[in-house]
N, C-alpha and C. Protein backbone atom coordinates (compact mmCIF):
# COMPACT_ATOMS: atom_id res chain seq x y z
N MET A 1 6.87 9.05 -51.57
CA MET A 1 6.66 10.09 -50.58
C MET A 1 7.85 11.04 -50.62
N SER A 2 7.57 12.29 -50.61
CA SER A 2 8.64 13.28 -50.70
C SER A 2 9.13 13.63 -49.30
N THR A 3 10.37 13.99 -49.23
CA THR A 3 10.96 14.38 -47.95
C THR A 3 10.91 15.88 -47.79
N ALA A 4 11.22 16.34 -46.61
CA ALA A 4 11.20 17.77 -46.32
C ALA A 4 12.22 18.51 -47.17
N LYS A 5 13.32 17.84 -47.45
CA LYS A 5 14.37 18.48 -48.23
C LYS A 5 13.90 18.75 -49.66
N GLU A 6 13.15 17.76 -50.21
CA GLU A 6 12.65 17.93 -51.57
C GLU A 6 11.57 19.00 -51.62
N ASN A 7 10.71 19.04 -50.61
CA ASN A 7 9.61 20.00 -50.61
C ASN A 7 10.07 21.41 -50.25
N CYS A 8 11.08 21.51 -49.43
CA CYS A 8 11.51 22.82 -48.93
C CYS A 8 13.01 23.00 -49.10
N PRO A 9 13.47 23.12 -50.31
CA PRO A 9 14.90 23.37 -50.45
C PRO A 9 15.25 24.72 -49.86
N PRO A 10 16.42 24.84 -49.28
CA PRO A 10 16.79 26.09 -48.61
C PRO A 10 17.02 27.23 -49.61
N SER A 11 15.99 27.93 -49.87
CA SER A 11 16.11 29.13 -50.70
C SER A 11 15.21 30.20 -50.11
N PRO A 12 15.57 31.44 -50.29
CA PRO A 12 14.79 32.53 -49.70
C PRO A 12 13.36 32.59 -50.22
N ASP A 13 13.12 32.08 -51.40
CA ASP A 13 11.78 32.17 -51.99
C ASP A 13 10.77 31.27 -51.30
N ASN A 14 11.19 30.08 -50.89
CA ASN A 14 10.21 29.15 -50.33
C ASN A 14 10.42 28.85 -48.84
N GLN A 15 11.05 29.74 -48.11
CA GLN A 15 11.26 29.54 -46.66
C GLN A 15 9.94 29.46 -45.91
N ASN A 16 8.96 30.16 -46.33
CA ASN A 16 7.70 30.21 -45.60
C ASN A 16 6.54 29.64 -46.40
N THR A 17 6.80 28.65 -47.22
CA THR A 17 5.69 28.00 -47.91
C THR A 17 4.85 27.26 -46.90
N SER A 18 3.66 26.94 -47.27
CA SER A 18 2.73 26.29 -46.33
C SER A 18 3.25 24.93 -45.87
N GLU A 19 3.90 24.20 -46.77
CA GLU A 19 4.44 22.89 -46.38
C GLU A 19 5.56 23.05 -45.36
N CYS A 20 6.42 24.01 -45.56
CA CYS A 20 7.51 24.24 -44.61
C CYS A 20 6.97 24.69 -43.26
N ILE A 21 6.00 25.56 -43.29
CA ILE A 21 5.40 26.03 -42.04
C ILE A 21 4.72 24.86 -41.32
N ASN A 22 4.02 24.03 -42.09
CA ASN A 22 3.35 22.86 -41.52
C ASN A 22 4.37 21.90 -40.89
N LEU A 23 5.47 21.65 -41.60
CA LEU A 23 6.50 20.76 -41.06
C LEU A 23 7.15 21.34 -39.80
N LYS A 24 7.37 22.65 -39.80
CA LYS A 24 7.94 23.29 -38.62
C LYS A 24 7.00 23.17 -37.42
N MET A 25 5.70 23.32 -37.67
CA MET A 25 4.72 23.21 -36.58
C MET A 25 4.67 21.78 -36.04
N GLN A 26 4.71 20.81 -36.95
CA GLN A 26 4.71 19.41 -36.51
C GLN A 26 5.96 19.10 -35.70
N LEU A 27 7.08 19.62 -36.17
CA LEU A 27 8.34 19.41 -35.45
C LEU A 27 8.28 20.04 -34.06
N LYS A 28 7.71 21.22 -33.97
CA LYS A 28 7.57 21.91 -32.68
C LYS A 28 6.67 21.11 -31.73
N LYS A 29 5.55 20.58 -32.27
CA LYS A 29 4.64 19.76 -31.45
C LYS A 29 5.35 18.50 -30.94
N LEU A 30 6.12 17.87 -31.83
CA LEU A 30 6.85 16.67 -31.42
C LEU A 30 7.88 16.99 -30.34
N GLU A 31 8.56 18.11 -30.49
CA GLU A 31 9.53 18.52 -29.47
C GLU A 31 8.85 18.72 -28.12
N GLU A 32 7.70 19.40 -28.12
CA GLU A 32 6.96 19.64 -26.87
C GLU A 32 6.50 18.32 -26.26
N LYS A 33 6.05 17.42 -27.12
CA LYS A 33 5.59 16.11 -26.63
C LYS A 33 6.74 15.33 -26.00
N ILE A 34 7.89 15.36 -26.64
CA ILE A 34 9.06 14.65 -26.12
C ILE A 34 9.50 15.26 -24.79
N VAL A 35 9.48 16.57 -24.71
CA VAL A 35 9.86 17.24 -23.45
C VAL A 35 8.91 16.82 -22.33
N LYS A 36 7.60 16.79 -22.61
CA LYS A 36 6.62 16.38 -21.59
C LYS A 36 6.83 14.93 -21.18
N GLN A 37 7.06 14.06 -22.16
CA GLN A 37 7.29 12.65 -21.85
C GLN A 37 8.57 12.46 -21.04
N ASN A 38 9.60 13.17 -21.42
CA ASN A 38 10.85 13.08 -20.66
C ASN A 38 10.66 13.57 -19.22
N GLN A 39 9.90 14.64 -19.06
CA GLN A 39 9.64 15.16 -17.71
C GLN A 39 8.87 14.13 -16.88
N ALA A 40 7.86 13.49 -17.51
CA ALA A 40 7.10 12.46 -16.80
C ALA A 40 8.00 11.30 -16.41
N ILE A 41 8.87 10.90 -17.31
CA ILE A 41 9.80 9.80 -17.01
C ILE A 41 10.75 10.20 -15.88
N MET A 42 11.23 11.42 -15.92
CA MET A 42 12.13 11.90 -14.86
C MET A 42 11.41 11.94 -13.51
N ASP A 43 10.14 12.34 -13.51
CA ASP A 43 9.38 12.36 -12.26
C ASP A 43 9.22 10.96 -11.68
N VAL A 44 8.90 10.00 -12.55
CA VAL A 44 8.75 8.61 -12.09
C VAL A 44 10.08 8.08 -11.58
N LEU A 45 11.15 8.35 -12.30
CA LEU A 45 12.47 7.90 -11.85
C LEU A 45 12.85 8.52 -10.51
N ALA A 46 12.52 9.78 -10.33
CA ALA A 46 12.83 10.44 -9.06
C ALA A 46 12.06 9.79 -7.92
N SER A 47 10.77 9.50 -8.14
CA SER A 47 9.99 8.87 -7.07
C SER A 47 10.50 7.46 -6.79
N HIS A 48 10.88 6.73 -7.83
CA HIS A 48 11.44 5.39 -7.62
C HIS A 48 12.77 5.47 -6.88
N SER A 49 13.55 6.46 -7.21
CA SER A 49 14.82 6.65 -6.52
C SER A 49 14.60 6.91 -5.03
N LEU A 50 13.62 7.76 -4.71
CA LEU A 50 13.30 8.02 -3.31
C LEU A 50 12.87 6.75 -2.60
N LEU A 51 12.00 5.96 -3.25
CA LEU A 51 11.55 4.72 -2.63
C LEU A 51 12.71 3.75 -2.41
N LEU A 52 13.56 3.63 -3.40
CA LEU A 52 14.71 2.74 -3.24
C LEU A 52 15.63 3.21 -2.12
N ASN A 53 15.82 4.51 -2.00
CA ASN A 53 16.65 5.03 -0.90
C ASN A 53 16.02 4.72 0.44
N LYS A 54 14.69 4.85 0.54
CA LYS A 54 14.02 4.53 1.80
C LYS A 54 14.19 3.06 2.13
N ILE A 55 14.02 2.21 1.13
CA ILE A 55 14.18 0.77 1.35
C ILE A 55 15.62 0.48 1.76
N TYR A 56 16.56 1.08 1.08
CA TYR A 56 17.97 0.84 1.38
C TYR A 56 18.32 1.30 2.79
N LYS A 57 17.83 2.47 3.17
CA LYS A 57 18.12 2.99 4.51
C LYS A 57 17.49 2.14 5.60
N ASN A 58 16.37 1.53 5.31
CA ASN A 58 15.66 0.75 6.32
C ASN A 58 16.08 -0.71 6.33
N GLU A 59 17.15 -1.06 5.63
CA GLU A 59 17.63 -2.43 5.68
C GLU A 59 18.14 -2.79 7.07
N THR A 60 18.40 -1.80 7.89
CA THR A 60 18.86 -2.07 9.24
C THR A 60 17.71 -2.51 10.14
N MET A 61 16.48 -2.36 9.65
CA MET A 61 15.32 -2.79 10.42
C MET A 61 15.37 -4.31 10.59
N PRO A 62 14.90 -4.82 11.70
CA PRO A 62 14.93 -6.27 11.90
C PRO A 62 14.23 -7.00 10.76
N THR A 63 14.87 -8.04 10.28
CA THR A 63 14.29 -8.79 9.16
C THR A 63 13.21 -9.75 9.63
N GLU A 64 12.96 -9.81 10.93
CA GLU A 64 11.96 -10.73 11.47
C GLU A 64 10.54 -10.16 11.43
N VAL A 65 10.32 -9.09 10.68
CA VAL A 65 8.98 -8.49 10.65
C VAL A 65 7.95 -9.53 10.22
N SER A 66 8.27 -10.31 9.20
CA SER A 66 7.29 -11.29 8.72
C SER A 66 7.13 -12.46 9.67
N THR A 67 8.08 -12.67 10.59
CA THR A 67 7.96 -13.78 11.53
C THR A 67 7.22 -13.39 12.80
N VAL A 68 6.84 -12.12 12.92
CA VAL A 68 6.09 -11.66 14.10
C VAL A 68 4.69 -12.28 14.11
N PHE A 69 4.14 -12.46 12.93
CA PHE A 69 2.77 -12.96 12.82
C PHE A 69 2.78 -14.46 12.59
N PRO A 70 1.85 -15.19 13.14
CA PRO A 70 0.72 -14.75 13.95
C PRO A 70 1.15 -14.46 15.39
N ILE A 71 0.48 -13.51 15.98
CA ILE A 71 0.71 -13.16 17.38
C ILE A 71 -0.02 -14.20 18.21
N LYS A 72 0.72 -14.87 19.12
CA LYS A 72 0.14 -16.01 19.82
C LYS A 72 -0.23 -15.74 21.27
N THR A 73 0.37 -14.73 21.88
CA THR A 73 0.08 -14.46 23.29
C THR A 73 -0.22 -12.98 23.50
N VAL A 74 -0.86 -12.68 24.63
CA VAL A 74 -1.15 -11.30 24.98
C VAL A 74 0.15 -10.53 25.16
N GLU A 75 1.17 -11.19 25.71
CA GLU A 75 2.46 -10.54 25.91
C GLU A 75 3.07 -10.14 24.56
N GLU A 76 2.99 -11.04 23.58
CA GLU A 76 3.51 -10.72 22.25
C GLU A 76 2.74 -9.55 21.64
N LEU A 77 1.44 -9.53 21.85
CA LEU A 77 0.60 -8.46 21.33
C LEU A 77 1.02 -7.11 21.92
N GLU A 78 1.18 -7.08 23.24
CA GLU A 78 1.58 -5.84 23.91
C GLU A 78 3.01 -5.43 23.53
N LYS A 79 3.90 -6.41 23.47
CA LYS A 79 5.29 -6.13 23.11
C LYS A 79 5.38 -5.57 21.68
N LEU A 80 4.63 -6.16 20.78
CA LEU A 80 4.64 -5.67 19.40
C LEU A 80 4.07 -4.26 19.32
N ASN A 81 2.94 -4.03 19.96
CA ASN A 81 2.31 -2.71 19.91
C ASN A 81 3.25 -1.64 20.48
N ASN A 82 3.93 -1.96 21.57
CA ASN A 82 4.84 -0.99 22.19
C ASN A 82 6.16 -0.85 21.44
N GLY A 83 6.54 -1.87 20.68
CA GLY A 83 7.84 -1.86 20.01
C GLY A 83 7.83 -1.32 18.59
N ILE A 84 6.67 -1.02 18.05
CA ILE A 84 6.59 -0.53 16.67
C ILE A 84 6.94 0.95 16.64
N SER A 85 7.95 1.28 15.85
CA SER A 85 8.30 2.70 15.68
C SER A 85 7.64 3.22 14.40
N GLU A 86 7.61 4.52 14.26
CA GLU A 86 6.99 5.15 13.08
C GLU A 86 7.69 4.71 11.79
N GLU A 87 9.00 4.50 11.84
CA GLU A 87 9.74 4.09 10.65
C GLU A 87 9.41 2.66 10.24
N ASP A 88 9.02 1.82 11.21
CA ASP A 88 8.74 0.42 10.93
C ASP A 88 7.34 0.19 10.37
N ILE A 89 6.45 1.13 10.54
CA ILE A 89 5.04 0.92 10.17
C ILE A 89 4.88 0.50 8.71
N PRO A 90 5.56 1.13 7.73
CA PRO A 90 5.38 0.69 6.34
C PRO A 90 5.75 -0.77 6.11
N PHE A 91 6.76 -1.27 6.82
CA PHE A 91 7.15 -2.66 6.67
C PHE A 91 6.08 -3.59 7.25
N TYR A 92 5.53 -3.22 8.40
CA TYR A 92 4.46 -4.03 8.99
C TYR A 92 3.22 -4.01 8.10
N VAL A 93 2.88 -2.85 7.55
CA VAL A 93 1.72 -2.76 6.66
C VAL A 93 1.93 -3.66 5.45
N ALA A 94 3.12 -3.61 4.85
CA ALA A 94 3.42 -4.45 3.69
C ALA A 94 3.35 -5.94 4.05
N THR A 95 3.84 -6.29 5.23
CA THR A 95 3.80 -7.69 5.66
C THR A 95 2.36 -8.15 5.85
N VAL A 96 1.55 -7.34 6.49
CA VAL A 96 0.14 -7.70 6.70
C VAL A 96 -0.57 -7.80 5.36
N LYS A 97 -0.29 -6.89 4.44
CA LYS A 97 -0.90 -6.94 3.10
C LYS A 97 -0.58 -8.26 2.42
N MET A 98 0.68 -8.70 2.52
CA MET A 98 1.06 -9.96 1.89
C MET A 98 0.32 -11.13 2.53
N LYS A 99 0.16 -11.10 3.84
CA LYS A 99 -0.48 -12.21 4.54
C LYS A 99 -1.97 -12.29 4.26
N ILE A 100 -2.62 -11.15 4.03
CA ILE A 100 -4.07 -11.16 3.81
C ILE A 100 -4.44 -11.01 2.34
N LYS A 101 -3.46 -11.05 1.47
CA LYS A 101 -3.69 -10.77 0.05
C LYS A 101 -4.79 -11.64 -0.53
N ALA A 102 -4.70 -12.92 -0.36
CA ALA A 102 -5.71 -13.82 -0.92
C ALA A 102 -6.82 -14.03 0.10
N GLY A 103 -7.96 -13.44 -0.13
CA GLY A 103 -9.11 -13.67 0.74
C GLY A 103 -9.47 -12.54 1.67
N GLY A 104 -8.60 -11.59 1.87
CA GLY A 104 -8.91 -10.45 2.72
C GLY A 104 -8.63 -10.70 4.19
N LEU A 105 -8.96 -9.70 4.98
CA LEU A 105 -8.63 -9.71 6.41
C LEU A 105 -9.39 -10.77 7.18
N ILE A 106 -10.68 -10.88 6.96
CA ILE A 106 -11.49 -11.80 7.76
C ILE A 106 -11.04 -13.24 7.56
N LYS A 107 -10.85 -13.65 6.33
CA LYS A 107 -10.46 -15.04 6.07
C LYS A 107 -9.04 -15.35 6.55
N ASN A 108 -8.19 -14.35 6.59
CA ASN A 108 -6.79 -14.58 6.94
C ASN A 108 -6.41 -14.01 8.30
N PHE A 109 -7.38 -13.68 9.13
CA PHE A 109 -7.08 -13.09 10.43
C PHE A 109 -6.24 -14.02 11.29
N SER A 110 -6.46 -15.33 11.14
CA SER A 110 -5.69 -16.28 11.94
C SER A 110 -4.21 -16.31 11.53
N LYS A 111 -3.87 -15.75 10.37
CA LYS A 111 -2.46 -15.63 9.99
C LYS A 111 -1.79 -14.47 10.72
N LEU A 112 -2.62 -13.59 11.30
CA LEU A 112 -2.10 -12.42 12.00
C LEU A 112 -2.17 -12.58 13.50
N ILE A 113 -3.29 -13.07 13.98
CA ILE A 113 -3.51 -13.22 15.43
C ILE A 113 -4.10 -14.60 15.67
N SER A 114 -3.55 -15.31 16.66
CA SER A 114 -3.98 -16.67 16.92
C SER A 114 -5.42 -16.72 17.43
N GLU A 115 -6.01 -17.89 17.34
CA GLU A 115 -7.39 -18.09 17.77
C GLU A 115 -7.55 -17.84 19.27
N ASP A 116 -6.53 -18.17 20.06
CA ASP A 116 -6.59 -17.93 21.50
C ASP A 116 -6.74 -16.44 21.81
N ILE A 117 -6.00 -15.62 21.09
CA ILE A 117 -6.11 -14.17 21.28
C ILE A 117 -7.49 -13.70 20.84
N CYS A 118 -7.98 -14.23 19.75
CA CYS A 118 -9.32 -13.84 19.27
C CYS A 118 -10.39 -14.14 20.31
N LEU A 119 -10.23 -15.21 21.05
CA LEU A 119 -11.22 -15.57 22.06
C LEU A 119 -11.15 -14.65 23.28
N LYS A 120 -10.00 -14.04 23.52
CA LYS A 120 -9.83 -13.17 24.69
C LYS A 120 -10.25 -11.73 24.42
N TYR A 121 -10.32 -11.34 23.16
CA TYR A 121 -10.55 -9.95 22.81
C TYR A 121 -11.81 -9.80 21.96
N ASN A 122 -12.40 -8.62 22.05
CA ASN A 122 -13.27 -8.11 21.01
C ASN A 122 -12.91 -6.65 20.84
N TYR A 123 -13.44 -6.01 19.84
CA TYR A 123 -12.94 -4.68 19.49
C TYR A 123 -13.09 -3.67 20.62
N ASN A 124 -14.28 -3.62 21.23
CA ASN A 124 -14.54 -2.60 22.26
C ASN A 124 -14.31 -3.08 23.68
N GLY A 125 -14.09 -4.37 23.89
CA GLY A 125 -13.86 -4.88 25.23
C GLY A 125 -15.13 -5.10 26.03
N THR A 126 -16.23 -5.36 25.39
CA THR A 126 -17.48 -5.63 26.10
C THR A 126 -17.61 -7.12 26.38
N GLN A 127 -18.64 -7.46 27.16
CA GLN A 127 -18.92 -8.86 27.51
C GLN A 127 -17.75 -9.53 28.22
N GLY A 128 -17.03 -8.77 29.03
CA GLY A 128 -15.94 -9.34 29.81
C GLY A 128 -14.69 -9.65 29.01
N LYS A 129 -14.61 -9.19 27.80
CA LYS A 129 -13.43 -9.43 26.96
C LYS A 129 -12.50 -8.22 27.06
N LEU A 130 -11.28 -8.42 26.63
CA LEU A 130 -10.31 -7.33 26.60
C LEU A 130 -10.51 -6.50 25.33
N PRO A 131 -10.28 -5.18 25.41
CA PRO A 131 -10.50 -4.34 24.22
C PRO A 131 -9.30 -4.38 23.26
N PHE A 132 -9.57 -4.82 22.04
CA PHE A 132 -8.52 -4.85 21.02
C PHE A 132 -8.22 -3.44 20.50
N CYS A 133 -9.16 -2.53 20.64
CA CYS A 133 -8.97 -1.16 20.14
C CYS A 133 -7.89 -0.40 20.90
N GLN A 134 -7.45 -0.91 22.04
CA GLN A 134 -6.40 -0.23 22.81
C GLN A 134 -5.03 -0.33 22.13
N TYR A 135 -4.87 -1.26 21.22
CA TYR A 135 -3.59 -1.44 20.53
C TYR A 135 -3.60 -0.57 19.27
N LEU A 136 -3.34 0.70 19.47
CA LEU A 136 -3.49 1.69 18.41
C LEU A 136 -2.55 1.44 17.23
N LYS A 137 -1.31 1.09 17.50
CA LYS A 137 -0.36 0.90 16.40
C LYS A 137 -0.72 -0.33 15.57
N ILE A 138 -1.09 -1.41 16.24
CA ILE A 138 -1.47 -2.62 15.51
C ILE A 138 -2.74 -2.37 14.71
N ASN A 139 -3.70 -1.69 15.31
CA ASN A 139 -4.92 -1.34 14.58
C ASN A 139 -4.60 -0.46 13.39
N GLY A 140 -3.68 0.49 13.56
CA GLY A 140 -3.28 1.35 12.46
C GLY A 140 -2.63 0.57 11.32
N ILE A 141 -1.82 -0.41 11.68
CA ILE A 141 -1.18 -1.26 10.67
C ILE A 141 -2.24 -2.06 9.92
N PHE A 142 -3.16 -2.67 10.65
CA PHE A 142 -4.22 -3.44 10.00
C PHE A 142 -5.06 -2.55 9.10
N GLU A 143 -5.38 -1.36 9.59
CA GLU A 143 -6.19 -0.43 8.81
C GLU A 143 -5.43 0.01 7.55
N GLY A 144 -4.13 0.24 7.67
CA GLY A 144 -3.33 0.60 6.51
C GLY A 144 -3.24 -0.52 5.49
N ALA A 145 -3.21 -1.75 5.97
CA ALA A 145 -3.13 -2.90 5.07
C ALA A 145 -4.46 -3.17 4.37
N VAL A 146 -5.55 -2.95 5.08
CA VAL A 146 -6.88 -3.21 4.51
C VAL A 146 -7.22 -2.15 3.48
N GLY A 147 -6.80 -0.92 3.73
CA GLY A 147 -7.03 0.15 2.77
C GLY A 147 -8.43 0.69 2.81
N ASP A 148 -9.12 0.61 1.69
CA ASP A 148 -10.41 1.29 1.58
C ASP A 148 -11.57 0.51 2.21
N GLU A 149 -11.32 -0.70 2.65
CA GLU A 149 -12.39 -1.43 3.32
C GLU A 149 -12.68 -0.77 4.67
N ASN A 150 -13.84 -1.01 5.22
CA ASN A 150 -14.19 -0.44 6.52
C ASN A 150 -13.56 -1.31 7.59
N TYR A 151 -12.38 -0.92 8.02
CA TYR A 151 -11.57 -1.73 8.93
C TYR A 151 -12.26 -2.03 10.25
N THR A 152 -12.82 -1.02 10.89
CA THR A 152 -13.42 -1.22 12.21
C THR A 152 -14.54 -2.25 12.15
N SER A 153 -15.38 -2.18 11.14
CA SER A 153 -16.46 -3.15 11.05
C SER A 153 -15.93 -4.55 10.76
N LEU A 154 -14.83 -4.65 10.00
CA LEU A 154 -14.24 -5.96 9.75
C LEU A 154 -13.69 -6.56 11.04
N ILE A 155 -13.00 -5.76 11.84
CA ILE A 155 -12.45 -6.26 13.09
C ILE A 155 -13.58 -6.65 14.04
N LYS A 156 -14.60 -5.82 14.12
CA LYS A 156 -15.73 -6.16 14.99
C LYS A 156 -16.37 -7.46 14.53
N GLN A 157 -16.49 -7.62 13.23
CA GLN A 157 -17.09 -8.84 12.70
C GLN A 157 -16.20 -10.04 13.04
N ARG A 158 -14.90 -9.86 12.95
CA ARG A 158 -13.98 -10.97 13.18
C ARG A 158 -13.82 -11.29 14.66
N THR A 159 -13.87 -10.29 15.52
CA THR A 159 -13.58 -10.54 16.92
C THR A 159 -14.78 -10.40 17.83
N GLY A 160 -15.95 -10.21 17.27
CA GLY A 160 -17.03 -9.97 18.22
C GLY A 160 -18.42 -10.17 17.71
N ARG A 161 -19.06 -9.13 17.30
CA ARG A 161 -20.50 -9.04 17.15
C ARG A 161 -21.14 -10.26 16.48
N ARG A 162 -20.62 -10.72 15.41
CA ARG A 162 -21.25 -11.83 14.70
C ARG A 162 -20.66 -13.18 15.06
N GLY A 163 -19.81 -13.21 16.04
CA GLY A 163 -19.20 -14.47 16.44
C GLY A 163 -17.85 -14.63 15.78
N VAL A 164 -16.94 -15.22 16.49
CA VAL A 164 -15.61 -15.43 15.96
C VAL A 164 -15.66 -16.59 15.00
N LYS A 165 -15.17 -16.39 13.82
CA LYS A 165 -15.19 -17.44 12.81
C LYS A 165 -13.89 -18.23 12.90
N LEU A 166 -13.87 -19.17 13.78
CA LEU A 166 -12.69 -20.00 13.99
C LEU A 166 -12.96 -21.38 13.44
N LYS A 167 -11.92 -22.18 13.37
CA LYS A 167 -12.09 -23.55 12.92
C LYS A 167 -13.03 -24.31 13.86
N THR A 168 -13.00 -23.96 15.15
CA THR A 168 -13.83 -24.64 16.13
C THR A 168 -15.26 -24.12 16.13
N GLN A 169 -15.51 -23.00 15.43
CA GLN A 169 -16.84 -22.41 15.32
C GLN A 169 -17.48 -22.12 16.67
N ILE A 170 -16.71 -21.59 17.60
CA ILE A 170 -17.23 -21.19 18.90
C ILE A 170 -17.78 -19.78 18.76
N PRO A 171 -19.08 -19.58 18.93
CA PRO A 171 -19.61 -18.22 18.78
C PRO A 171 -19.28 -17.35 19.99
N VAL A 172 -18.89 -16.13 19.74
CA VAL A 172 -18.63 -15.15 20.78
C VAL A 172 -19.44 -13.93 20.40
N TYR A 173 -20.37 -13.54 21.27
CA TYR A 173 -21.27 -12.46 20.93
C TYR A 173 -21.01 -11.23 21.78
N GLU A 174 -21.36 -10.08 21.24
CA GLU A 174 -21.19 -8.80 21.89
C GLU A 174 -22.54 -8.11 21.88
N GLU A 175 -22.81 -7.31 22.90
CA GLU A 175 -24.09 -6.60 22.96
C GLU A 175 -24.19 -5.58 21.88
């Protein structure tokens, strides 16, 4: 295989031969490709840097986020809902995602809220139960963790309409 030097020796006669022009075009394409790839890498590094800075800055947040769940009493539920700040929401969403990762929200709801709370609430507060929908921040966290699933119907299914799926299998119905 011949090299560029052999094919295009530096002389005025063959500066613009087809092989030299072809090699120059290939070199130009490679340069453009490298510039694009470097830009993409720089963009990813910049976004990772921002994320790391956010994580680093939020290290002052209480490390007990993962120990909040399961919520065992109504007081804990209200205290948590009132105590969540906008900066803490991503940490709570990440914690809930980890807790419901295997099996989804319905199967792992007891890892988030105790069975006693489930028996006292349903989503809309009908049938003499307390309304779970009043806890906007907690609902927002659960919805953020569930993602593209239909969160409201999952909560209604778990806390009401089709009966609470607890270990004791006590049905709780909603109109």
